[in-house]
Amino acid sequence: MAASRGFEDFVSARGQALQRFAYSLAVADIGQIGSPVQVTSLNVGNRNTLASPADVGVPGSPGSQVPQLARPAAIHAPAGFTTENELTGQGMSGTGLSGSGGRLAIVARCSGPGQLRLTFGTGAAERQLGTIRCDSAVHELTTAVRLRPHDAHAGVTVYASDRTSYRVMIGTVR
């Protein structure tokens, strides 16, 4: 979406010309957002009035500057992995565990800046499980945490930037 004074060509992230507009508001459906969206110029007359590029917020959420990113591709559990839960999202998220026995393991795919930081437990008992690079590849992390069948366990928390999209499978290996 962009406001224009005069004729402007609007180009999608794929390099396709969308339309030419005069004195109007441009709105285009470019599909699922896969990365942050920025306005790089705001021309009034022949002058760019935007001091620096700015992130575009989520429609309907005036305070938001974080777009909802596309989910990473599906993950398939490796042999010997029993899935407990699966999380998809951005930013911080967590889930409780119960039922399975074995060593706690994580299989994840993420994209965006930085890495995923995974923890087990809450409060003072929260401990670091490890980190996973966000390079769109599938990564596996087997931990030293042993879960017993039918016990209620503390949860796993995923910490990531709001601009990092992830899919995390939490389970056990024997």
Protein backbone atom coordinates (compact mmCIF):
# COMPACT_ATOMS: atom_id res chain seq x y z
CA MET A 1 0.00 0.00 0.00
CA ALA A 2 1.41 3.41 -0.87
CA ALA A 3 0.11 6.93 -1.31
CA SER A 4 1.14 8.76 -4.43
CA ARG A 5 0.99 12.24 -5.87
CA GLY A 6 1.62 12.11 -9.58
CA PHE A 7 2.09 8.95 -11.57
CA GLU A 8 4.11 6.22 -9.93
CA ASP A 9 4.89 2.63 -10.82
CA PHE A 10 4.39 0.25 -7.92
CA VAL A 11 6.56 -2.84 -7.95
CA SER A 12 6.03 -6.01 -5.92
CA ALA A 13 8.81 -7.82 -4.09
CA ARG A 14 8.96 -10.19 -7.06
CA GLY A 15 9.75 -7.26 -9.35
CA GLN A 16 6.36 -7.25 -11.09
CA ALA A 17 4.78 -3.90 -11.90
CA LEU A 18 1.44 -3.76 -10.09
CA GLN A 19 -0.28 -0.69 -11.56
CA ARG A 20 0.16 2.99 -12.31
CA PHE A 21 -1.76 5.38 -10.09
CA ALA A 22 -2.35 9.13 -10.07
CA TYR A 23 -3.27 10.97 -6.84
CA SER A 24 -4.42 7.82 -5.12
CA LEU A 25 -3.88 5.05 -2.67
CA ALA A 26 -2.39 1.82 -4.03
CA VAL A 27 -3.56 -1.45 -2.53
CA ALA A 28 -2.29 -4.79 -3.82
CA ASP A 29 -2.67 -8.40 -2.72
CA ILE A 30 0.87 -9.76 -3.03
CA GLY A 31 0.18 -13.01 -1.16
CA GLN A 32 1.56 -14.18 2.19
CA ILE A 33 4.23 -11.90 3.60
CA GLY A 34 7.56 -13.71 3.85
CA SER A 35 9.67 -10.93 5.35
CA PRO A 36 9.25 -7.45 6.84
CA VAL A 37 7.68 -4.85 4.53
CA GLN A 38 9.15 -1.36 4.31
CA VAL A 39 8.12 1.93 2.76
CA THR A 40 11.32 3.28 1.22
CA SER A 41 9.99 6.61 -0.07
CA LEU A 42 6.93 8.80 0.26
CA ASN A 43 6.95 11.33 -2.53
CA VAL A 44 5.02 14.57 -2.26
CA GLY A 45 5.48 16.50 -5.45
CA ASN A 46 9.07 15.84 -6.44
CA ARG A 47 10.31 15.50 -2.86
CA ASN A 48 10.72 12.38 -0.71
CA THR A 49 9.20 13.28 2.67
CA LEU A 50 10.25 10.05 4.37
CA ALA A 51 13.42 10.62 6.41
CA SER A 52 14.37 6.93 6.39
CA PRO A 53 12.74 3.62 5.44
CA ALA A 54 9.96 2.61 7.85
CA ASP A 55 8.29 -0.72 8.57
CA VAL A 56 4.66 -1.14 7.55
CA GLY A 57 2.32 -2.28 10.32
CA VAL A 58 -0.39 -4.95 10.35
CA PRO A 59 -3.77 -3.69 9.07
CA GLY A 60 -6.23 -3.14 11.91
CA SER A 61 -3.45 -2.81 14.49
CA PRO A 62 -2.25 0.81 14.52
CA GLY A 63 0.46 0.18 17.13
CA SER A 64 1.89 -2.82 15.31
CA GLN A 65 5.04 -2.64 13.26
CA VAL A 66 5.50 -6.41 12.97
CA PRO A 67 4.00 -8.18 9.96
CA GLN A 68 2.58 -11.69 10.31
CA LEU A 69 5.21 -13.76 8.51
CA ALA A 70 4.64 -16.92 6.51
CA ARG A 71 5.04 -20.18 8.42
CA PRO A 72 8.12 -22.23 7.60
CA ALA A 73 7.57 -25.39 5.55
CA ALA A 74 6.37 -28.54 7.31
CA ILE A 75 8.77 -30.65 9.34
CA HIS A 76 8.73 -34.43 9.29
CA ALA A 77 9.64 -36.25 12.49
CA PRO A 78 12.83 -38.28 12.18
CA ALA A 79 12.79 -42.01 12.93
CA GLY A 80 12.59 -42.69 16.66
CA PHE A 81 11.09 -39.25 17.46
CA THR A 82 7.71 -39.20 19.27
CA THR A 83 5.92 -35.86 18.83
CA GLU A 84 4.36 -34.23 21.93
CA ASN A 85 3.49 -30.78 20.58
CA GLU A 86 4.16 -28.50 17.63
CA LEU A 87 4.43 -24.73 17.80
CA THR A 88 4.35 -22.27 14.92
CA GLY A 89 4.68 -18.55 15.37
CA GLN A 90 6.85 -15.50 15.88
CA GLY A 91 8.41 -14.08 19.02
CA MET A 92 8.03 -15.99 22.30
CA SER A 93 5.79 -19.03 22.72
CA GLY A 94 5.62 -22.01 25.04
CA THR A 95 3.82 -25.27 25.72
CA GLY A 96 3.50 -27.77 28.54
CA LEU A 97 4.48 -31.43 28.25
CA SER A 98 2.98 -34.65 29.59
CA GLY A 99 2.60 -38.26 28.60
CA SER A 100 5.75 -39.37 26.81
CA GLY A 101 8.89 -40.88 28.22
CA GLY A 102 12.42 -40.53 26.92
CA ARG A 103 14.95 -37.79 26.29
CA LEU A 104 13.45 -34.42 25.41
CA ALA A 105 14.17 -33.55 21.79
CA ILE A 106 13.38 -30.62 19.49
CA VAL A 107 13.11 -30.54 15.69
CA ALA A 108 12.76 -27.03 14.26
CA ARG A 109 12.85 -24.88 11.13
CA CYS A 110 12.97 -21.10 11.30
CA SER A 111 13.78 -18.06 9.22
CA GLY A 112 14.60 -14.54 10.24
CA PRO A 113 17.29 -12.68 12.14
CA GLY A 114 19.14 -14.37 14.96
CA GLN A 115 18.31 -17.78 16.31
CA LEU A 116 15.76 -19.66 18.43
CA ARG A 117 16.62 -19.98 22.10
CA LEU A 118 14.90 -22.93 23.79
CA THR A 119 14.36 -23.40 27.52
CA PHE A 120 12.78 -26.02 29.79
CA GLY A 121 10.98 -25.19 33.05
CA THR A 122 9.71 -21.92 34.44
CA GLY A 123 10.85 -19.19 36.79
CA ALA A 124 13.97 -19.96 38.82
CA ALA A 125 13.94 -23.57 37.51
CA GLU A 126 14.03 -22.47 33.84
CA ARG A 127 17.15 -23.79 32.12
CA GLN A 128 18.65 -23.37 28.69
CA LEU A 129 18.22 -26.32 26.30
CA GLY A 130 20.13 -24.82 23.39
CA THR A 131 19.86 -22.61 20.33
CA ILE A 132 18.90 -23.25 16.72
CA ARG A 133 20.08 -21.23 13.68
CA CYS A 134 17.33 -19.60 11.63
CA ASP A 135 18.44 -20.49 8.12
CA SER A 136 15.27 -22.25 6.82
CA ALA A 137 16.90 -25.67 7.28
CA VAL A 138 15.60 -28.36 9.65
CA HIS A 139 17.68 -28.70 12.83
CA GLU A 140 17.50 -31.35 15.55
CA LEU A 141 18.38 -30.84 19.22
CA THR A 142 18.46 -33.79 21.64
CA THR A 143 18.75 -32.70 25.26
CA ALA A 144 19.92 -34.28 28.50
CA VAL A 145 16.41 -33.82 30.00
CA ARG A 146 14.77 -37.20 30.70
CA LEU A 147 10.97 -37.32 30.83
CA ARG A 148 9.06 -40.15 32.51
CA PRO A 149 5.83 -41.50 30.99
CA HIS A 150 2.57 -40.22 32.49
CA ASP A 151 4.27 -37.50 34.58
CA ALA A 152 3.31 -33.86 34.19
CA HIS A 153 6.40 -31.94 33.12
CA ALA A 154 7.37 -28.31 32.93
CA GLY A 155 7.07 -26.79 29.50
CA VAL A 156 9.36 -25.76 26.70
CA THR A 157 9.61 -22.08 25.80
CA VAL A 158 10.78 -20.75 22.44
CA TYR A 159 12.37 -17.30 22.46
CA ALA A 160 12.84 -15.53 19.11
CA SER A 161 12.61 -12.05 17.65
CA ASP A 162 9.23 -10.83 16.45
CA ARG A 163 10.69 -10.94 12.94
CA THR A 164 11.56 -14.63 13.16
CA SER A 165 9.04 -17.20 11.93
CA TYR A 166 9.37 -20.73 13.28
CA ARG A 167 7.91 -24.23 13.34
CA VAL A 168 9.05 -26.30 16.33
CA MET A 169 8.22 -29.95 17.05
CA ILE A 170 8.72 -30.96 20.69
CA GLY A 171 8.96 -34.62 21.58
CA THR A 172 11.11 -37.42 22.88
CA VAL A 173 13.64 -39.93 21.62
CA ARG A 174 14.49 -43.22 23.35
